[in-house]
Amino acid sequence: MEKLQDVYSTEPKYRTVTVRTSDGSTIQGKVNLSSKQRLSDLFTKGDEPFIVMIDVLIKEVEGKTLFLNKDHIVWVEPED
């Protein structure tokens, strides 16, 4: 049985991903997943039109926070 603190954990669970957008940009950064959420759910389920990425690396800029519109995502590759 799961501990109550594990179910309602507020600690961020970051996953590093690489995203390709419709304009050809490649973006690497971290996304926050809820405790029971799969990475694919973040990008395909829910009504939120934007994904929040932190510690973003895009072109020569790094360490930024980016709000990325789901409609402009071509593919996502998780880092193992």
N, C-alpha and C. Protein backbone atom coordinates (compact mmCIF):
# COMPACT_ATOMS: atom_id res chain seq x y z
N MET A 1 0.84 -1.18 0.00
CA MET A 1 0.00 0.00 0.00
C MET A 1 0.88 1.24 0.00
N GLU A 2 0.52 2.20 -0.83
CA GLU A 2 1.30 3.43 -0.93
C GLU A 2 1.10 4.31 0.29
N LYS A 3 2.15 4.98 0.66
CA LYS A 3 2.04 5.94 1.74
C LYS A 3 1.30 7.16 1.24
N LEU A 4 0.55 7.78 2.11
CA LEU A 4 -0.21 8.96 1.76
C LEU A 4 0.69 10.07 1.23
N GLN A 5 1.88 10.22 1.80
CA GLN A 5 2.79 11.26 1.35
C GLN A 5 3.28 11.00 -0.08
N ASP A 6 3.37 9.73 -0.51
CA ASP A 6 3.79 9.41 -1.87
C ASP A 6 2.70 9.77 -2.88
N VAL A 7 1.43 9.56 -2.51
CA VAL A 7 0.32 9.84 -3.41
C VAL A 7 0.16 11.34 -3.62
N TYR A 8 0.36 12.11 -2.57
CA TYR A 8 0.16 13.55 -2.64
C TYR A 8 1.49 14.32 -2.59
N SER A 9 2.53 13.71 -3.10
CA SER A 9 3.84 14.34 -3.08
C SER A 9 3.84 15.62 -3.90
N THR A 10 4.45 16.66 -3.35
CA THR A 10 4.55 17.92 -4.07
C THR A 10 5.95 18.12 -4.65
N GLU A 11 6.82 17.14 -4.45
CA GLU A 11 8.16 17.23 -5.01
C GLU A 11 8.07 17.10 -6.52
N PRO A 12 8.74 17.96 -7.24
CA PRO A 12 8.69 17.86 -8.70
C PRO A 12 9.36 16.57 -9.19
N LYS A 13 8.80 16.01 -10.23
CA LYS A 13 9.35 14.81 -10.87
C LYS A 13 9.69 15.22 -12.30
N TYR A 14 10.92 15.67 -12.50
CA TYR A 14 11.32 16.19 -13.80
C TYR A 14 11.82 15.08 -14.71
N ARG A 15 11.53 15.25 -15.98
CA ARG A 15 11.99 14.32 -17.02
C ARG A 15 12.60 15.16 -18.14
N THR A 16 13.81 14.82 -18.55
CA THR A 16 14.48 15.55 -19.63
C THR A 16 14.00 15.01 -20.97
N VAL A 17 13.63 15.93 -21.87
CA VAL A 17 13.13 15.56 -23.18
C VAL A 17 13.74 16.45 -24.25
N THR A 18 13.72 15.95 -25.47
CA THR A 18 14.06 16.74 -26.65
C THR A 18 12.80 16.85 -27.49
N VAL A 19 12.47 18.06 -27.92
CA VAL A 19 11.24 18.33 -28.67
C VAL A 19 11.61 18.94 -30.01
N ARG A 20 10.96 18.48 -31.07
CA ARG A 20 11.10 19.10 -32.40
C ARG A 20 9.79 19.83 -32.67
N THR A 21 9.90 21.08 -33.10
CA THR A 21 8.71 21.88 -33.38
C THR A 21 8.47 21.99 -34.89
N SER A 22 7.30 22.48 -35.24
CA SER A 22 6.90 22.57 -36.65
C SER A 22 7.78 23.52 -37.46
N ASP A 23 8.47 24.44 -36.81
CA ASP A 23 9.37 25.34 -37.55
C ASP A 23 10.78 24.76 -37.68
N GLY A 24 10.97 23.53 -37.20
CA GLY A 24 12.26 22.85 -37.32
C GLY A 24 13.19 23.02 -36.13
N SER A 25 12.78 23.78 -35.13
CA SER A 25 13.61 23.98 -33.94
C SER A 25 13.68 22.70 -33.11
N THR A 26 14.84 22.48 -32.53
CA THR A 26 15.01 21.37 -31.59
C THR A 26 15.26 21.98 -30.22
N ILE A 27 14.46 21.57 -29.26
CA ILE A 27 14.49 22.14 -27.91
C ILE A 27 14.74 21.03 -26.91
N GLN A 28 15.72 21.22 -26.05
CA GLN A 28 15.96 20.26 -24.98
C GLN A 28 15.66 20.94 -23.65
N GLY A 29 14.98 20.23 -22.76
CA GLY A 29 14.66 20.79 -21.46
C GLY A 29 13.99 19.77 -20.58
N LYS A 30 13.48 20.23 -19.46
CA LYS A 30 12.83 19.35 -18.48
C LYS A 30 11.35 19.70 -18.37
N VAL A 31 10.53 18.65 -18.23
CA VAL A 31 9.11 18.83 -17.97
C VAL A 31 8.79 18.18 -16.63
N ASN A 32 7.79 18.70 -15.94
CA ASN A 32 7.39 18.18 -14.64
C ASN A 32 6.19 17.26 -14.81
N LEU A 33 6.29 16.05 -14.30
CA LEU A 33 5.20 15.09 -14.35
C LEU A 33 4.59 14.93 -12.97
N SER A 34 3.28 14.75 -12.91
CA SER A 34 2.65 14.43 -11.62
C SER A 34 3.01 13.00 -11.26
N SER A 35 2.73 12.61 -10.04
CA SER A 35 3.19 11.32 -9.53
C SER A 35 2.67 10.12 -10.34
N LYS A 36 1.49 10.20 -10.89
CA LYS A 36 0.91 9.07 -11.63
C LYS A 36 0.86 9.31 -13.14
N GLN A 37 1.51 10.36 -13.62
CA GLN A 37 1.41 10.76 -15.02
C GLN A 37 2.55 10.17 -15.85
N ARG A 38 2.20 9.66 -17.03
CA ARG A 38 3.20 9.21 -17.98
C ARG A 38 3.62 10.39 -18.85
N LEU A 39 4.81 10.31 -19.39
CA LEU A 39 5.31 11.38 -20.25
C LEU A 39 4.39 11.58 -21.45
N SER A 40 3.93 10.51 -22.06
CA SER A 40 3.05 10.62 -23.22
C SER A 40 1.74 11.31 -22.87
N ASP A 41 1.24 11.11 -21.64
CA ASP A 41 0.00 11.77 -21.21
C ASP A 41 0.15 13.29 -21.18
N LEU A 42 1.31 13.76 -20.78
CA LEU A 42 1.55 15.20 -20.71
C LEU A 42 1.37 15.86 -22.07
N PHE A 43 1.81 15.17 -23.12
CA PHE A 43 1.77 15.76 -24.46
C PHE A 43 0.50 15.46 -25.23
N THR A 44 -0.26 14.44 -24.82
CA THR A 44 -1.43 14.04 -25.62
C THR A 44 -2.77 14.18 -24.91
N LYS A 45 -2.78 14.25 -23.61
CA LYS A 45 -4.03 14.32 -22.86
C LYS A 45 -4.17 15.69 -22.20
N GLY A 46 -5.37 16.01 -21.80
CA GLY A 46 -5.60 17.26 -21.09
C GLY A 46 -5.97 18.39 -22.03
N ASP A 47 -6.57 19.42 -21.45
CA ASP A 47 -7.05 20.55 -22.22
C ASP A 47 -6.05 21.70 -22.30
N GLU A 48 -4.95 21.58 -21.57
CA GLU A 48 -3.97 22.66 -21.54
C GLU A 48 -3.27 22.74 -22.90
N PRO A 49 -3.27 23.92 -23.52
CA PRO A 49 -2.66 24.05 -24.85
C PRO A 49 -1.13 24.18 -24.80
N PHE A 50 -0.57 24.44 -23.61
CA PHE A 50 0.86 24.68 -23.50
C PHE A 50 1.54 23.67 -22.59
N ILE A 51 2.79 23.37 -22.91
CA ILE A 51 3.68 22.57 -22.07
C ILE A 51 4.71 23.53 -21.50
N VAL A 52 4.97 23.42 -20.20
CA VAL A 52 5.99 24.26 -19.58
C VAL A 52 7.28 23.44 -19.50
N MET A 53 8.35 24.00 -20.05
CA MET A 53 9.66 23.36 -20.00
C MET A 53 10.61 24.29 -19.24
N ILE A 54 11.46 23.70 -18.40
CA ILE A 54 12.45 24.48 -17.66
C ILE A 54 13.85 24.03 -18.05
N ASP A 55 14.83 24.79 -17.67
CA ASP A 55 16.24 24.52 -18.01
C ASP A 55 16.38 24.23 -19.50
N VAL A 56 15.73 25.05 -20.31
CA VAL A 56 15.67 24.85 -21.75
C VAL A 56 16.99 25.21 -22.42
N LEU A 57 17.37 24.39 -23.39
CA LEU A 57 18.51 24.66 -24.25
C LEU A 57 17.98 24.73 -25.67
N ILE A 58 18.05 25.92 -26.26
CA ILE A 58 17.59 26.13 -27.63
C ILE A 58 18.55 27.11 -28.28
N LYS A 59 19.14 26.69 -29.38
CA LYS A 59 20.18 27.47 -30.07
C LYS A 59 21.28 27.79 -29.07
N GLU A 60 21.64 29.04 -28.87
CA GLU A 60 22.72 29.39 -27.94
C GLU A 60 22.21 29.78 -26.57
N VAL A 61 20.91 29.69 -26.36
CA VAL A 61 20.31 30.11 -25.09
C VAL A 61 20.06 28.88 -24.22
N GLU A 62 20.44 28.98 -22.95
CA GLU A 62 20.17 27.86 -22.06
C GLU A 62 19.74 28.34 -20.68
N GLY A 63 18.99 27.47 -19.99
CA GLY A 63 18.55 27.77 -18.64
C GLY A 63 17.25 28.56 -18.56
N LYS A 64 16.57 28.75 -19.66
CA LYS A 64 15.33 29.53 -19.68
C LYS A 64 14.12 28.64 -19.39
N THR A 65 12.99 29.28 -19.10
CA THR A 65 11.70 28.61 -19.00
C THR A 65 10.93 28.92 -20.27
N LEU A 66 10.28 27.90 -20.84
CA LEU A 66 9.61 28.05 -22.12
C LEU A 66 8.19 27.48 -22.02
N PHE A 67 7.23 28.21 -22.56
CA PHE A 67 5.85 27.74 -22.67
C PHE A 67 5.66 27.36 -24.13
N LEU A 68 5.51 26.08 -24.40
CA LEU A 68 5.48 25.56 -25.76
C LEU A 68 4.07 25.10 -26.13
N ASN A 69 3.54 25.64 -27.21
CA ASN A 69 2.20 25.28 -27.67
C ASN A 69 2.21 23.86 -28.22
N LYS A 70 1.34 22.99 -27.70
CA LYS A 70 1.28 21.58 -28.13
C LYS A 70 1.01 21.45 -29.62
N ASP A 71 0.29 22.40 -30.21
CA ASP A 71 -0.05 22.32 -31.63
C ASP A 71 1.18 22.43 -32.53
N HIS A 72 2.30 22.88 -31.98
CA HIS A 72 3.51 23.08 -32.79
C HIS A 72 4.57 22.01 -32.54
N ILE A 73 4.19 20.95 -31.81
CA ILE A 73 5.14 19.87 -31.52
C ILE A 73 5.02 18.80 -32.59
N VAL A 74 6.16 18.43 -33.20
CA VAL A 74 6.21 17.38 -34.22
C VAL A 74 6.52 16.04 -33.56
N TRP A 75 7.54 16.01 -32.70
CA TRP A 75 7.87 14.81 -31.95
C TRP A 75 8.57 15.15 -30.64
N VAL A 76 8.54 14.16 -29.73
CA VAL A 76 9.20 14.30 -28.42
C VAL A 76 10.00 13.04 -28.17
N GLU A 77 11.24 13.21 -27.73
CA GLU A 77 12.09 12.07 -27.41
C GLU A 77 12.54 12.19 -25.96
N PRO A 78 12.17 11.22 -25.11
CA PRO A 78 12.64 11.26 -23.71
C PRO A 78 14.09 10.85 -23.62
N GLU A 79 14.79 11.44 -22.67
CA GLU A 79 16.16 11.02 -22.39
C GLU A 79 16.08 9.90 -21.36
N ASP A 80 16.79 8.84 -21.61
CA ASP A 80 16.73 7.69 -20.67
C ASP A 80 17.50 7.88 -19.43
